[in-house]
């Protein structure tokens, strides 16, 4: 969990610097493929009582996840635009939180809600201040 959240500042820093490739690497490879996918696989495991496989690299996740979760996952994949990548970062955080809370509850763990809240507040402030310093505007 903490490794997922520690990646947020790296993505934000890269986006503010207009460094697309490292931002996408951290967001897509680390945050989504490494950490979020694990939570999604655990969600499938819980839903199917650990009796089905999602295949390598999550290739069967679409068939196994609830449609609403899959739709939310799709919103985290975007093109090269900086603003759309900011939105994808926030969407990734929302989905990780939603699935993480479900998985934690079912497995008898407490989700780090306060950590999540602090990271989101930091990210919103960092984005607003950084964008203002660069002379841009923050999308609604």
C-alpha atoms as a PDB file:
ATOM      1  CA  UNK A   1       0.000   0.000   0.000  1.00  0.00           C
ATOM      2  CA  UNK A   2       2.679   2.464   1.018  1.00  0.00           C
ATOM      3  CA  UNK A   3       4.706   1.791  -2.134  1.00  0.00           C
ATOM      4  CA  UNK A   4       1.656   2.569  -4.256  1.00  0.00           C
ATOM      5  CA  UNK A   5       1.102   5.851  -2.430  1.00  0.00           C
ATOM      6  CA  UNK A   6       4.792   6.783  -2.519  1.00  0.00           C
ATOM      7  CA  UNK A   7       4.651   6.718  -6.339  1.00  0.00           C
ATOM      8  CA  UNK A   8       2.078   9.534  -6.424  1.00  0.00           C
ATOM      9  CA  UNK A   9       4.626  12.298  -5.831  1.00  0.00           C
ATOM     10  CA  UNK A  10       6.871  10.928  -8.578  1.00  0.00           C
ATOM     11  CA  UNK A  11       4.075  11.024 -11.136  1.00  0.00           C
ATOM     12  CA  UNK A  12       3.037  14.519 -10.029  1.00  0.00           C
ATOM     13  CA  UNK A  13       6.595  15.830 -10.228  1.00  0.00           C
ATOM     14  CA  UNK A  14       7.027  14.430 -13.730  1.00  0.00           C
ATOM     15  CA  UNK A  15       3.711  15.848 -14.909  1.00  0.00           C
ATOM     16  CA  UNK A  16       4.572  19.313 -13.606  1.00  0.00           C
ATOM     17  CA  UNK A  17       7.919  19.115 -15.398  1.00  0.00           C
ATOM     18  CA  UNK A  18       6.201  17.947 -18.606  1.00  0.00           C
ATOM     19  CA  UNK A  19       8.178  14.694 -18.459  1.00  0.00           C
ATOM     20  CA  UNK A  20       5.669  12.340 -20.017  1.00  0.00           C
ATOM     21  CA  UNK A  21       7.702   9.152 -20.328  1.00  0.00           C
ATOM     22  CA  UNK A  22       8.749   8.817 -16.691  1.00  0.00           C
ATOM     23  CA  UNK A  23       5.279   9.905 -15.540  1.00  0.00           C
ATOM     24  CA  UNK A  24       3.646   7.198 -17.675  1.00  0.00           C
ATOM     25  CA  UNK A  25       6.204   4.641 -16.532  1.00  0.00           C
ATOM     26  CA  UNK A  26       5.461   5.217 -12.861  1.00  0.00           C
ATOM     27  CA  UNK A  27       1.701   5.574 -13.332  1.00  0.00           C
ATOM     28  CA  UNK A  28       1.145   2.700 -15.734  1.00  0.00           C
ATOM     29  CA  UNK A  29       3.898   0.203 -14.882  1.00  0.00           C
ATOM     30  CA  UNK A  30       4.214   0.674 -11.142  1.00  0.00           C
ATOM     31  CA  UNK A  31       0.975   2.081  -9.823  1.00  0.00           C
ATOM     32  CA  UNK A  32      -1.416   0.234 -12.107  1.00  0.00           C
ATOM     33  CA  UNK A  33       0.332  -2.872 -13.358  1.00  0.00           C
ATOM     34  CA  UNK A  34       2.212  -3.719 -10.182  1.00  0.00           C
ATOM     35  CA  UNK A  35       0.003  -2.512  -7.312  1.00  0.00           C
ATOM     36  CA  UNK A  36      -3.518  -1.875  -8.596  1.00  0.00           C
ATOM     37  CA  UNK A  37      -3.605  -5.084 -10.609  1.00  0.00           C
ATOM     38  CA  UNK A  38      -2.793  -7.046  -7.461  1.00  0.00           C
ATOM     39  CA  UNK A  39      -5.795  -5.529  -5.669  1.00  0.00           C
ATOM     40  CA  UNK A  40      -8.012  -6.247  -8.669  1.00  0.00           C
ATOM     41  CA  UNK A  41      -6.820  -9.865  -8.723  1.00  0.00           C
ATOM     42  CA  UNK A  42      -7.546 -10.185  -5.006  1.00  0.00           C
ATOM     43  CA  UNK A  43     -11.014  -8.752  -5.604  1.00  0.00           C
ATOM     44  CA  UNK A  44     -11.636 -11.448  -8.239  1.00  0.00           C
ATOM     45  CA  UNK A  45     -10.263 -14.060  -5.860  1.00  0.00           C
ATOM     46  CA  UNK A  46     -12.684 -13.008  -3.159  1.00  0.00           C
ATOM     47  CA  UNK A  47     -15.618 -12.801  -5.577  1.00  0.00           C
ATOM     48  CA  UNK A  48     -14.955 -16.298  -6.930  1.00  0.00           C
ATOM     49  CA  UNK A  49     -13.747 -17.861  -3.656  1.00  0.00           C
ATOM     50  CA  UNK A  50     -10.212 -18.164  -5.084  1.00  0.00           C
ATOM     51  CA  UNK A  51     -11.418 -20.706  -7.682  1.00  0.00           C
ATOM     52  CA  UNK A  52     -10.617 -18.883 -10.956  1.00  0.00           C
ATOM     53  CA  UNK A  53      -7.540 -17.448 -12.590  1.00  0.00           C
ATOM     54  CA  UNK A  54      -7.208 -14.005 -14.123  1.00  0.00           C
ATOM     55  CA  UNK A  55      -4.358 -15.223 -16.313  1.00  0.00           C
ATOM     56  CA  UNK A  56      -0.929 -13.750 -16.706  1.00  0.00           C
ATOM     57  CA  UNK A  57      -0.775  -9.968 -16.602  1.00  0.00           C
ATOM     58  CA  UNK A  58      -4.476  -9.880 -15.693  1.00  0.00           C
ATOM     59  CA  UNK A  59      -5.638 -10.856 -19.183  1.00  0.00           C
ATOM     60  CA  UNK A  60      -8.963 -12.216 -17.844  1.00  0.00           C
ATOM     61  CA  UNK A  61      -9.696  -9.372 -15.449  1.00  0.00           C
ATOM     62  CA  UNK A  62     -12.257  -7.849 -17.796  1.00  0.00           C
ATOM     63  CA  UNK A  63     -14.275 -11.086 -17.773  1.00  0.00           C
ATOM     64  CA  UNK A  64     -14.075 -11.501 -13.994  1.00  0.00           C
ATOM     65  CA  UNK A  65     -14.432  -7.990 -12.541  1.00  0.00           C
ATOM     66  CA  UNK A  66     -17.757  -6.225 -12.042  1.00  0.00           C
ATOM     67  CA  UNK A  67     -18.457  -4.020 -15.068  1.00  0.00           C
ATOM     68  CA  UNK A  68     -18.323  -0.845 -12.966  1.00  0.00           C
ATOM     69  CA  UNK A  69     -14.815  -1.619 -11.738  1.00  0.00           C
ATOM     70  CA  UNK A  70     -13.625  -2.469 -15.238  1.00  0.00           C
ATOM     71  CA  UNK A  71     -15.112   0.801 -16.538  1.00  0.00           C
ATOM     72  CA  UNK A  72     -13.300   2.693 -13.779  1.00  0.00           C
ATOM     73  CA  UNK A  73     -10.047   0.948 -14.729  1.00  0.00           C
ATOM     74  CA  UNK A  74     -10.457   2.004 -18.339  1.00  0.00           C
ATOM     75  CA  UNK A  75     -10.581   5.670 -17.272  1.00  0.00           C
ATOM     76  CA  UNK A  76      -7.073   5.320 -15.846  1.00  0.00           C
ATOM     77  CA  UNK A  77      -5.589   4.653 -19.307  1.00  0.00           C
ATOM     78  CA  UNK A  78      -5.120   7.775 -21.381  1.00  0.00           C
ATOM     79  CA  UNK A  79      -2.912   9.254 -24.088  1.00  0.00           C
ATOM     80  CA  UNK A  80      -0.095  11.754 -23.933  1.00  0.00           C
ATOM     81  CA  UNK A  81      -1.888  14.898 -22.732  1.00  0.00           C
ATOM     82  CA  UNK A  82      -0.700  16.253 -19.397  1.00  0.00           C
ATOM     83  CA  UNK A  83      -4.176  17.159 -18.143  1.00  0.00           C
ATOM     84  CA  UNK A  84      -5.588  13.774 -19.061  1.00  0.00           C
ATOM     85  CA  UNK A  85      -2.707  12.128 -17.201  1.00  0.00           C
ATOM     86  CA  UNK A  86      -3.463  14.207 -14.111  1.00  0.00           C
ATOM     87  CA  UNK A  87      -7.042  12.950 -14.315  1.00  0.00           C
ATOM     88  CA  UNK A  88      -5.805   9.385 -14.852  1.00  0.00           C
ATOM     89  CA  UNK A  89      -3.673   9.694 -11.716  1.00  0.00           C
ATOM     90  CA  UNK A  90      -6.684  10.793  -9.658  1.00  0.00           C
ATOM     91  CA  UNK A  91      -8.818   8.036 -11.246  1.00  0.00           C
ATOM     92  CA  UNK A  92      -6.146   5.475 -10.343  1.00  0.00           C
ATOM     93  CA  UNK A  93      -6.177   6.679  -6.745  1.00  0.00           C
ATOM     94  CA  UNK A  94      -9.984   6.466  -6.586  1.00  0.00           C
ATOM     95  CA  UNK A  95     -10.057   2.947  -7.985  1.00  0.00           C
ATOM     96  CA  UNK A  96      -7.219   1.745  -5.759  1.00  0.00           C
ATOM     97  CA  UNK A  97      -9.092   3.142  -2.756  1.00  0.00           C
ATOM     98  CA  UNK A  98     -12.427   1.605  -3.760  1.00  0.00           C
ATOM     99  CA  UNK A  99     -11.068  -1.869  -4.438  1.00  0.00           C
ATOM    100  CA  UNK A 100      -8.557  -1.657  -1.598  1.00  0.00           C
ATOM    101  CA  UNK A 101     -11.289  -0.879   0.929  1.00  0.00           C
ATOM    102  CA  UNK A 102     -13.393  -3.801  -0.329  1.00  0.00           C
ATOM    103  CA  UNK A 103     -10.491  -6.253  -0.235  1.00  0.00           C
ATOM    104  CA  UNK A 104      -9.274  -5.045   3.153  1.00  0.00           C
ATOM    105  CA  UNK A 105     -12.729  -5.399   4.683  1.00  0.00           C
ATOM    106  CA  UNK A 106     -13.256  -8.905   3.329  1.00  0.00           C
ATOM    107  CA  UNK A 107      -9.807 -10.046   4.472  1.00  0.00           C
ATOM    108  CA  UNK A 108     -10.191  -8.496   7.922  1.00  0.00           C
ATOM    109  CA  UNK A 109      -7.717  -5.633   7.519  1.00  0.00           C
ATOM    110  CA  UNK A 110      -8.133  -1.925   8.003  1.00  0.00           C
ATOM    111  CA  UNK A 111      -7.600   0.203   4.921  1.00  0.00           C
ATOM    112  CA  UNK A 112      -5.222   3.167   5.459  1.00  0.00           C
ATOM    113  CA  UNK A 113      -7.946   5.757   4.910  1.00  0.00           C
ATOM    114  CA  UNK A 114      -6.011   8.565   6.568  1.00  0.00           C
ATOM    115  CA  UNK A 115      -2.938   7.922   4.409  1.00  0.00           C
ATOM    116  CA  UNK A 116      -5.133   7.976   1.313  1.00  0.00           C
ATOM    117  CA  UNK A 117      -6.778  11.233   2.391  1.00  0.00           C
ATOM    118  CA  UNK A 118      -3.429  12.909   3.073  1.00  0.00           C
ATOM    119  CA  UNK A 119      -1.992  11.802  -0.260  1.00  0.00           C
ATOM    120  CA  UNK A 120      -5.005  13.142  -2.176  1.00  0.00           C
ATOM    121  CA  UNK A 121      -4.846  16.487  -0.340  1.00  0.00           C
ATOM    122  CA  UNK A 122      -1.095  16.711  -1.028  1.00  0.00           C
ATOM    123  CA  UNK A 123      -1.638  15.891  -4.694  1.00  0.00           C
ATOM    124  CA  UNK A 124      -4.386  18.481  -5.143  1.00  0.00           C
ATOM    125  CA  UNK A 125      -2.282  21.184  -3.476  1.00  0.00           C
ATOM    126  CA  UNK A 126       0.900  20.200  -5.325  1.00  0.00           C
ATOM    127  CA  UNK A 127      -0.891  20.275  -8.648  1.00  0.00           C
ATOM    128  CA  UNK A 128      -2.508  23.661  -7.975  1.00  0.00           C
ATOM    129  CA  UNK A 129       0.662  25.330  -6.684  1.00  0.00           C
ATOM    130  CA  UNK A 130       2.906  23.799  -9.321  1.00  0.00           C
ATOM    131  CA  UNK A 131       0.600  24.697 -12.166  1.00  0.00           C
ATOM    132  CA  UNK A 132       0.255  28.261 -10.839  1.00  0.00           C
ATOM    133  CA  UNK A 133       4.049  28.604 -10.624  1.00  0.00           C
ATOM    134  CA  UNK A 134       4.318  27.491 -14.227  1.00  0.00           C
ATOM    135  CA  UNK A 135       1.752  30.106 -15.284  1.00  0.00           C
ATOM    136  CA  UNK A 136      -0.889  27.572 -16.292  1.00  0.00           C
ATOM    137  CA  UNK A 137      -4.324  26.831 -15.036  1.00  0.00           C
ATOM    138  CA  UNK A 138      -5.675  23.815 -13.258  1.00  0.00           C
ATOM    139  CA  UNK A 139      -8.460  21.944 -14.983  1.00  0.00           C
ATOM    140  CA  UNK A 140     -11.693  21.661 -12.977  1.00  0.00           C
END
